[in-house]
N, C-alpha and C. Protein backbone atom coordinates (compact mmCIF):
# COMPACT_ATOMS: atom_id res chain seq x y z
N MET A 1 18.56 -4.79 21.48
CA MET A 1 17.55 -4.39 23.43
C MET A 1 17.82 -5.47 23.79
N THR A 2 18.19 -5.18 25.33
CA THR A 2 18.46 -5.86 26.33
C THR A 2 17.61 -6.43 27.37
N ASP A 3 17.14 -7.07 28.07
CA ASP A 3 15.81 -7.57 28.55
C ASP A 3 15.30 -6.95 29.54
N ASP A 4 16.62 -6.32 29.99
CA ASP A 4 15.34 -5.08 30.64
C ASP A 4 14.78 -3.63 30.53
N GLU A 5 15.51 -3.60 28.59
CA GLU A 5 15.29 -2.87 27.76
C GLU A 5 13.46 -3.36 27.30
N ARG A 6 12.96 -4.89 27.48
CA ARG A 6 12.32 -4.84 27.10
C ARG A 6 11.15 -5.22 27.89
N LEU A 7 11.92 -5.77 29.25
CA LEU A 7 10.81 -6.10 30.16
C LEU A 7 10.22 -4.69 30.56
N GLN A 8 11.22 -3.41 30.04
CA GLN A 8 10.50 -2.19 30.49
C GLN A 8 8.73 -2.06 29.10
N VAL A 9 9.68 -2.26 27.49
CA VAL A 9 8.36 -1.89 26.98
C VAL A 9 7.35 -2.62 27.36
N LYS A 10 7.13 -4.19 28.27
CA LYS A 10 6.59 -5.24 28.09
C LYS A 10 5.46 -4.22 29.12
N ARG A 11 6.02 -3.57 30.90
CA ARG A 11 5.21 -2.68 31.11
C ARG A 11 3.92 -2.02 30.36
N VAL A 12 5.18 -0.65 29.96
CA VAL A 12 4.69 0.05 29.48
C VAL A 12 3.34 -0.78 28.65
N LEU A 13 3.12 -1.91 27.85
CA LEU A 13 1.88 -2.18 26.66
C LEU A 13 0.80 -2.47 28.07
N GLU A 14 0.78 -3.11 29.04
CA GLU A 14 0.06 -3.43 30.52
C GLU A 14 -0.23 -2.24 30.56
N LEU A 15 0.10 -0.90 30.19
CA LEU A 15 -1.04 0.50 30.73
C LEU A 15 -2.32 0.40 30.03
N ARG A 16 -3.21 1.14 30.52
CA ARG A 16 -3.94 1.86 29.03
C ARG A 16 -3.77 4.14 29.62
N GLY A 17 -3.79 3.90 28.34
CA GLY A 17 -4.82 5.33 27.98
C GLY A 17 -3.42 6.66 28.40
N SER A 18 -3.71 7.13 29.91
CA SER A 18 -2.86 8.24 29.91
C SER A 18 -1.96 7.76 31.30
N LYS A 19 -1.89 6.93 31.82
CA LYS A 19 -0.79 5.86 31.37
C LYS A 19 -0.03 5.70 31.35
N MET A 20 -0.85 4.97 29.99
CA MET A 20 1.14 4.80 28.98
C MET A 20 1.23 5.74 28.30
N ALA A 21 0.53 6.45 28.05
CA ALA A 21 1.52 7.86 27.80
C ALA A 21 2.54 8.37 28.22
N GLU A 22 1.97 8.72 29.63
CA GLU A 22 3.14 8.67 30.36
C GLU A 22 4.57 8.12 30.73
N ALA A 23 4.47 6.32 30.17
CA ALA A 23 5.71 5.10 30.70
C ALA A 23 5.87 5.79 28.97
N VAL A 24 5.20 5.58 27.74
CA VAL A 24 5.70 6.28 27.17
C VAL A 24 7.23 6.50 26.93
N ALA A 25 6.57 8.33 27.26
CA ALA A 25 7.83 9.07 27.69
C ALA A 25 8.49 9.75 28.64
N GLU A 26 8.89 7.87 29.38
CA GLU A 26 9.54 7.00 30.34
C GLU A 26 10.40 6.69 30.08
N LEU A 27 10.42 6.06 27.86
CA LEU A 27 11.64 5.01 27.21
C LEU A 27 12.52 6.19 27.64
N ALA A 28 13.47 5.29 27.31
CA ALA A 28 14.07 5.94 27.78
C ALA A 28 16.29 6.39 25.49
N THR A 29 15.14 5.03 25.16
CA THR A 29 15.41 4.08 23.41
C THR A 29 14.84 4.55 22.41
N ALA A 30 15.32 4.79 20.67
CA ALA A 30 14.96 4.92 19.88
C ALA A 30 14.10 3.25 19.83
N GLU A 31 15.45 2.89 19.86
CA GLU A 31 14.85 1.38 19.66
C GLU A 31 13.33 0.69 20.66
N GLN A 32 13.21 1.77 21.97
CA GLN A 32 12.09 0.86 22.36
C GLN A 32 10.99 1.33 22.07
N LEU A 33 11.09 3.05 21.94
CA LEU A 33 9.92 2.77 20.88
C LEU A 33 9.37 2.29 20.13
N HIS A 34 10.42 2.00 19.21
CA HIS A 34 9.88 1.61 17.76
C HIS A 34 9.55 0.24 18.54
N GLN A 35 10.44 -0.40 18.92
CA GLN A 35 9.84 -1.86 19.58
C GLN A 35 7.52 -1.29 20.23
N TRP A 36 8.12 -0.43 20.59
CA TRP A 36 6.44 -0.34 21.64
C TRP A 36 5.28 -0.05 20.10
N LEU A 37 5.71 0.39 19.59
CA LEU A 37 5.26 0.63 18.26
C LEU A 37 4.42 -0.47 17.23
N LEU A 38 5.94 -1.34 17.60
CA LEU A 38 5.32 -2.87 16.77
C LEU A 38 4.42 -3.79 17.38
N HIS A 39 4.66 -3.36 18.63
CA HIS A 39 3.31 -3.57 19.85
C HIS A 39 2.27 -3.14 19.65
N TYR A 40 2.26 -2.28 19.73
CA TYR A 40 0.69 -1.18 20.13
C TYR A 40 -0.50 -1.23 18.82
N ASN A 41 -1.43 -1.22 20.23
CA ASN A 41 -3.39 -1.92 19.69
C ASN A 41 -3.57 -0.21 19.78
N VAL A 42 -3.57 0.03 18.78
CA VAL A 42 -5.06 1.71 18.16
C VAL A 42 -5.62 1.88 19.69
N ASN A 43 -6.64 0.25 19.64
CA ASN A 43 -7.73 0.17 20.66
C ASN A 43 -7.41 1.27 21.36
N ASP A 44 -6.50 1.47 21.98
CA ASP A 44 -5.67 1.85 23.85
C ASP A 44 -5.59 3.42 23.39
N GLY A 45 -5.99 3.58 22.00
CA GLY A 45 -5.69 5.05 21.75
C GLY A 45 -5.13 6.01 20.90
N PHE A 46 -5.10 7.44 21.36
CA PHE A 46 -4.11 7.55 20.43
C PHE A 46 -3.48 9.03 21.28
N LEU A 47 -3.60 9.55 22.65
CA LEU A 47 -2.53 9.63 24.01
C LEU A 47 -1.34 8.85 24.04
N PRO A 48 -0.92 7.49 23.77
CA PRO A 48 0.39 7.78 24.01
C PRO A 48 1.33 7.77 22.91
N CYS A 49 0.53 7.04 21.53
CA CYS A 49 1.12 7.62 20.46
C CYS A 49 1.51 9.34 20.13
N LEU A 50 0.86 10.04 21.14
CA LEU A 50 0.91 11.47 20.89
C LEU A 50 2.86 11.76 21.56
N ALA A 51 2.74 10.45 22.68
CA ALA A 51 3.65 10.97 23.62
C ALA A 51 5.40 10.26 22.61
N LEU A 52 4.97 9.49 21.83
CA LEU A 52 5.23 8.89 21.58
C LEU A 52 5.84 10.00 20.78
N VAL A 53 4.75 10.28 19.81
CA VAL A 53 5.80 11.65 18.76
C VAL A 53 6.24 12.88 19.18
N ARG A 54 5.89 13.00 21.31
CA ARG A 54 6.64 14.06 21.10
C ARG A 54 8.40 14.11 22.14
N HIS A 55 8.78 12.73 22.01
CA HIS A 55 9.61 11.72 22.32
C HIS A 55 11.02 12.36 21.83
N PRO A 56 11.40 13.13 22.58
CA PRO A 56 13.01 13.62 22.29
C PRO A 56 13.85 12.07 21.55
N ALA A 57 13.74 10.58 21.65
CA ALA A 57 13.87 9.97 21.24
C ALA A 57 14.15 8.80 19.84
N CYS A 58 12.84 9.84 19.49
CA CYS A 58 11.72 9.54 18.77
C CYS A 58 12.45 9.31 16.83
N ASP A 59 13.37 8.28 16.55
CA ASP A 59 14.34 8.30 15.14
C ASP A 59 12.85 8.41 14.47
N ARG A 60 12.82 8.99 12.52
CA ARG A 60 12.04 9.36 12.18
C ARG A 60 11.64 8.32 11.21
N GLY A 61 12.42 7.34 11.02
CA GLY A 61 11.86 5.90 10.79
C GLY A 61 10.24 5.71 11.75
N THR A 62 10.55 5.98 12.74
CA THR A 62 9.62 5.19 14.33
C THR A 62 8.18 5.65 13.28
N ALA A 63 8.57 7.37 13.47
CA ALA A 63 7.42 8.37 13.70
C ALA A 63 6.78 8.39 12.32
N LEU A 64 8.23 7.86 10.89
CA LEU A 64 6.73 7.56 10.01
C LEU A 64 5.95 6.48 9.32
N MET A 65 6.54 5.45 10.09
CA MET A 65 5.87 4.27 11.08
C MET A 65 4.57 3.57 11.03
N LEU A 66 4.33 4.99 12.44
CA LEU A 66 3.50 6.25 13.13
C LEU A 66 2.58 6.44 11.93
N TYR A 67 2.62 6.99 11.31
CA TYR A 67 2.08 8.11 10.42
C TYR A 67 1.60 7.47 8.94
N TRP A 68 1.63 6.39 8.61
CA TRP A 68 1.69 5.72 7.67
C TRP A 68 1.04 4.72 8.13
N ARG A 69 1.14 3.67 9.50
CA ARG A 69 0.59 2.61 10.46
C ARG A 69 -1.56 2.55 10.78
N PHE A 70 -1.32 4.37 11.29
CA PHE A 70 -2.49 4.44 10.74
C PHE A 70 -3.02 5.30 10.04
N SER A 71 -2.58 5.44 9.54
CA SER A 71 -3.16 6.95 8.12
C SER A 71 -4.70 6.31 7.49
N ASP A 72 -4.86 5.39 7.57
CA ASP A 72 -6.92 5.23 7.26
C ASP A 72 -7.49 6.01 8.47
N CYS A 73 -6.53 6.17 9.77
CA CYS A 73 -7.35 6.11 11.45
C CYS A 73 -7.55 7.61 10.83
N LEU A 74 -6.06 8.12 10.38
CA LEU A 74 -5.43 9.51 11.21
C LEU A 74 -5.74 10.85 10.22
N MET A 75 -6.02 9.97 8.72
CA MET A 75 -6.16 10.56 7.67
C MET A 75 -8.04 10.95 7.19
N GLU A 76 -8.42 10.45 8.22
CA GLU A 76 -10.25 10.85 7.75
C GLU A 76 -10.51 12.34 8.40
N PRO A 77 -11.36 12.70 7.01
CA PRO A 77 -12.60 13.76 8.04
C PRO A 77 -13.01 14.40 9.37
N ARG A 78 -12.02 15.89 10.15
CA ARG A 78 -12.26 15.14 11.31
C ARG A 78 -13.74 15.77 12.08
N ASP A 79 -13.97 15.18 13.41
CA ASP A 79 -15.45 15.13 13.69
C ASP A 79 -15.26 15.72 14.64
N PRO A 80 -15.27 17.87 15.11
CA PRO A 80 -15.01 18.60 16.12
C PRO A 80 -15.71 17.85 17.47
N GLU A 81 -17.12 17.39 16.92
CA GLU A 81 -17.72 17.04 18.85
C GLU A 81 -17.36 15.92 18.97
N GLN A 82 -17.18 14.62 18.29
CA GLN A 82 -16.74 13.58 18.66
C GLN A 82 -15.33 13.97 19.35
N THR A 83 -14.53 15.01 18.86
CA THR A 83 -12.78 14.50 19.56
C THR A 83 -13.05 16.02 20.60
N ALA A 84 -13.63 16.74 21.21
CA ALA A 84 -14.73 17.46 22.56
C ALA A 84 -14.50 16.62 22.84
N LYS A 85 -15.23 15.43 22.99
CA LYS A 85 -15.43 14.58 24.50
C LYS A 85 -14.66 13.16 24.41
N ALA A 86 -14.07 13.69 23.26
CA ALA A 86 -12.93 11.98 23.81
C ALA A 86 -11.12 12.92 23.46
N ALA A 87 -10.27 12.63 24.18
CA ALA A 87 -8.56 13.86 23.64
C ALA A 87 -8.47 13.02 23.51
N ALA A 88 -8.94 11.30 24.00
CA ALA A 88 -7.52 10.77 23.70
C ALA A 88 -7.50 9.87 22.56
N TRP A 89 -8.81 10.14 21.78
CA TRP A 89 -9.36 10.02 20.18
C TRP A 89 -8.57 10.78 19.82
N ASP A 90 -8.51 11.96 19.91
CA ASP A 90 -8.20 13.11 19.28
C ASP A 90 -7.30 12.44 17.51
N ALA A 91 -7.71 12.54 16.91
CA ALA A 91 -6.64 12.49 15.97
C ALA A 91 -6.58 13.18 15.36
N HIS A 92 -6.61 13.97 14.90
CA HIS A 92 -6.20 15.67 13.96
C HIS A 92 -4.93 16.12 14.69
N ALA A 93 -5.49 16.06 16.08
CA ALA A 93 -4.45 16.71 16.96
C ALA A 93 -3.38 15.37 17.29
N LEU A 94 -3.00 14.55 16.62
CA LEU A 94 -2.30 13.58 16.39
C LEU A 94 -1.40 13.79 15.08
N LEU A 95 -2.39 13.67 14.03
CA LEU A 95 -1.30 13.80 12.30
C LEU A 95 -1.45 15.25 12.40
N VAL A 96 -2.04 15.94 13.30
CA VAL A 96 -0.83 17.57 13.03
C VAL A 96 0.18 17.04 13.34
N GLU A 97 -0.02 17.29 14.70
CA GLU A 97 2.05 17.45 15.43
C GLU A 97 2.88 16.44 14.92
N LEU A 98 2.53 14.92 14.53
CA LEU A 98 3.23 13.95 13.64
C LEU A 98 3.74 14.57 12.47
N GLY A 99 2.38 15.14 11.26
CA GLY A 99 2.99 15.67 10.27
C GLY A 99 4.47 17.33 10.21
N ASP A 100 3.48 17.82 11.40
CA ASP A 100 4.80 19.16 11.71
C ASP A 100 6.14 18.48 11.74
N ARG A 101 5.91 17.32 12.63
CA ARG A 101 7.90 17.15 13.44
C ARG A 101 8.16 16.70 11.96
N LEU A 102 7.54 15.47 11.33
CA LEU A 102 8.22 14.72 9.94
C LEU A 102 8.45 15.81 9.33
N THR A 103 8.01 17.37 8.77
CA THR A 103 7.73 18.20 7.23
C THR A 103 9.36 19.30 8.94
N ARG A 104 9.15 19.23 10.01
CA ARG A 104 10.42 19.33 9.87
C ARG A 104 11.70 19.49 9.38
N ASN A 105 11.32 18.05 10.48
CA ASN A 105 12.53 16.40 10.46
C ASN A 105 13.37 16.62 11.58
N ASP A 106 12.95 16.91 12.48
CA ASP A 106 13.23 17.00 14.03
C ASP A 106 12.94 15.76 14.88
N PHE A 107 14.29 15.28 14.15
CA PHE A 107 14.34 13.40 14.96
C PHE A 107 15.99 14.17 15.83
N ALA A 108 16.27 12.66 16.52
CA ALA A 108 17.31 12.02 16.87
C ALA A 108 18.20 11.73 16.23
N SER A 109 16.59 10.91 15.48
CA SER A 109 18.16 10.01 14.63
C SER A 109 17.06 10.21 13.39
N ALA A 110 17.81 9.19 12.40
CA ALA A 110 17.14 8.55 11.37
C ALA A 110 17.54 7.33 10.66
N GLU A 111 17.22 6.57 11.64
CA GLU A 111 18.91 5.13 11.47
C GLU A 111 17.43 3.84 10.74
N ILE A 112 16.47 4.16 11.93
CA ILE A 112 14.92 2.86 11.42
C ILE A 112 15.24 2.92 10.13
N CYS A 113 15.09 1.42 9.42
CA CYS A 113 14.67 1.46 8.70
C CYS A 113 13.24 1.51 8.20
N PHE A 114 11.71 2.31 7.27
CA PHE A 114 10.34 2.30 6.88
C PHE A 114 11.26 2.55 5.37
N ASP A 115 10.56 2.23 4.78
CA ASP A 115 9.53 2.07 3.58
C ASP A 115 8.07 2.07 3.18
N PRO A 116 7.25 3.24 3.35
CA PRO A 116 5.95 3.49 2.83
C PRO A 116 5.96 2.51 2.03
N VAL A 117 6.26 2.92 0.42
CA VAL A 117 5.72 2.56 -1.13
C VAL A 117 5.91 1.25 -0.21
N SER A 118 7.00 0.52 -0.13
CA SER A 118 7.03 -0.87 -0.95
C SER A 118 6.43 -1.71 1.18
N THR A 119 6.27 -1.16 1.85
CA THR A 119 5.75 -1.62 3.17
C THR A 119 4.23 -1.22 3.41
N LEU A 120 3.23 -0.81 2.06
CA LEU A 120 1.85 0.06 1.81
C LEU A 120 1.50 -0.85 0.04
N ASN A 121 2.65 -0.88 -0.61
CA ASN A 121 3.06 -1.73 -2.19
C ASN A 121 2.06 -0.89 -3.16
N LEU A 122 2.52 1.45 -2.72
CA LEU A 122 1.42 1.68 -3.57
C LEU A 122 2.63 2.06 -5.08
N THR A 123 1.48 2.23 -5.27
CA THR A 123 1.38 2.52 -6.89
C THR A 123 2.74 4.15 -7.61
N THR A 124 2.92 3.60 -8.57
CA THR A 124 2.92 5.25 -8.58
C THR A 124 1.45 5.97 -8.30
N GLU A 125 -0.15 5.04 -8.99
CA GLU A 125 -0.65 6.38 -8.98
C GLU A 125 -0.91 6.31 -7.55
N ALA A 126 -0.91 5.42 -6.57
CA ALA A 126 -1.34 5.99 -5.95
C ALA A 126 -0.50 7.47 -4.79
N GLN A 127 1.00 6.50 -5.46
CA GLN A 127 1.87 7.57 -4.46
C GLN A 127 0.67 9.31 -4.87
N LYS A 128 0.34 9.77 -6.01
CA LYS A 128 -0.14 10.52 -6.61
C LYS A 128 -1.18 11.02 -6.11
N THR A 129 -1.69 9.92 -6.05
CA THR A 129 -3.08 10.38 -5.59
C THR A 129 -2.73 11.13 -3.95
N PHE A 130 -2.16 10.07 -3.69
CA PHE A 130 -1.57 10.86 -1.22
C PHE A 130 -1.01 12.11 -1.95
N ILE A 131 0.22 12.04 -2.70
CA ILE A 131 0.29 13.65 -3.15
C ILE A 131 -0.23 14.75 -3.41
N TYR A 132 -1.38 14.01 -4.31
CA TYR A 132 -2.78 15.75 -4.23
C TYR A 132 -3.68 15.48 -3.08
N ALA A 133 -4.17 14.99 -2.52
CA ALA A 133 -4.87 14.77 -1.24
C ALA A 133 -3.49 15.44 0.00
N GLY A 134 -2.34 15.93 -0.23
CA GLY A 134 -1.88 16.88 0.72
C GLY A 134 -0.51 15.82 1.41
N VAL A 135 -0.27 14.68 1.48
CA VAL A 135 0.80 14.39 1.78
C VAL A 135 2.11 14.96 1.16
N PRO A 136 2.46 14.91 2.23
CA PRO A 136 4.27 15.70 1.30
C PRO A 136 4.63 14.59 0.87
N GLU A 137 5.93 15.11 -0.52
CA GLU A 137 6.10 13.67 -0.85
C GLU A 137 7.63 13.45 0.37
N GLY A 138 8.24 13.68 0.85
CA GLY A 138 9.00 13.60 1.70
C GLY A 138 8.24 11.91 3.08
N ASN A 139 7.43 12.19 2.83
CA ASN A 139 6.87 10.89 3.91
C ASN A 139 6.41 9.72 3.82
N LEU A 140 6.18 9.57 1.94
CA LEU A 140 6.54 9.21 0.95
C LEU A 140 8.06 7.98 1.45
N GLN A 141 9.15 8.93 1.00
CA GLN A 141 10.37 8.53 0.91
C GLN A 141 11.10 7.69 1.92
N ALA A 142 11.47 6.66 1.38
CA ALA A 142 11.99 5.31 2.23
C ALA A 142 13.03 6.10 3.45
N VAL A 143 13.46 5.39 4.15
CA VAL A 143 13.98 6.35 5.79
C VAL A 143 15.11 5.02 6.66
N GLY A 144 16.61 5.23 6.70
CA GLY A 144 17.09 4.52 7.68
C GLY A 144 17.84 3.53 6.83
N SER A 145 18.66 2.79 7.59
CA SER A 145 18.89 2.06 7.41
C SER A 145 18.96 0.40 8.09
N ARG A 146 18.80 0.52 9.53
CA ARG A 146 18.48 -0.72 11.04
C ARG A 146 17.23 -0.89 10.49
N ALA A 147 17.09 -1.94 9.54
CA ALA A 147 16.17 -2.68 10.10
C ALA A 147 15.73 -3.00 11.34
N VAL A 148 14.60 -2.99 12.52
CA VAL A 148 14.62 -3.47 13.74
C VAL A 148 12.90 -4.61 13.87
N GLU A 149 13.22 -5.58 14.37
CA GLU A 149 12.36 -6.41 13.83
C GLU A 149 11.12 -6.26 15.62
N ARG A 150 10.66 -6.45 14.91
CA ARG A 150 9.27 -7.40 16.73
C ARG A 150 10.23 -7.58 17.35
N GLU A 151 10.31 -7.63 18.23
CA GLU A 151 11.04 -8.56 19.51
C GLU A 151 9.43 -9.67 20.38
N PRO A 152 10.11 -10.08 21.07
CA PRO A 152 9.31 -10.69 21.62
C PRO A 152 9.07 -10.17 23.26
N LEU A 153 8.66 -10.02 23.60
CA LEU A 153 9.32 -8.83 25.21
C LEU A 153 8.49 -9.70 26.08
N GLY A 154 8.50 -11.63 25.91
CA GLY A 154 9.28 -12.53 27.09
C GLY A 154 7.40 -12.58 28.02
């Protein structure tokens, strides 16, 4: 990434909630989106993640990383009462949209490397458990060949 692109990502991370989501939608490249996710803290809610999922430049590797990075909170049973109170915390809506896009394989690229099995140290038994729970096998497969490491944003 260029210094200007890093600065854009840094500025996005300084925002909160819907303002951050709007700024994520304005990032230009798959690498910026990936860097944003590498630096993102879920305590800021799911709206910015939804903007990432909807972004036309989102790489499949980034989407897969999001799916597994927040899988603990995304795969919890839905509490409709809680969801109605805070759209920013609607994990179910994020999981559905993210899962649909992963299933459709609707990404501009699949270059950024992410391997859920090695990243999460999933045993064969754990993989079978996820598949039995409804995780599509494709979401357990490695994607991409270009490693994008977390960069200091300055």
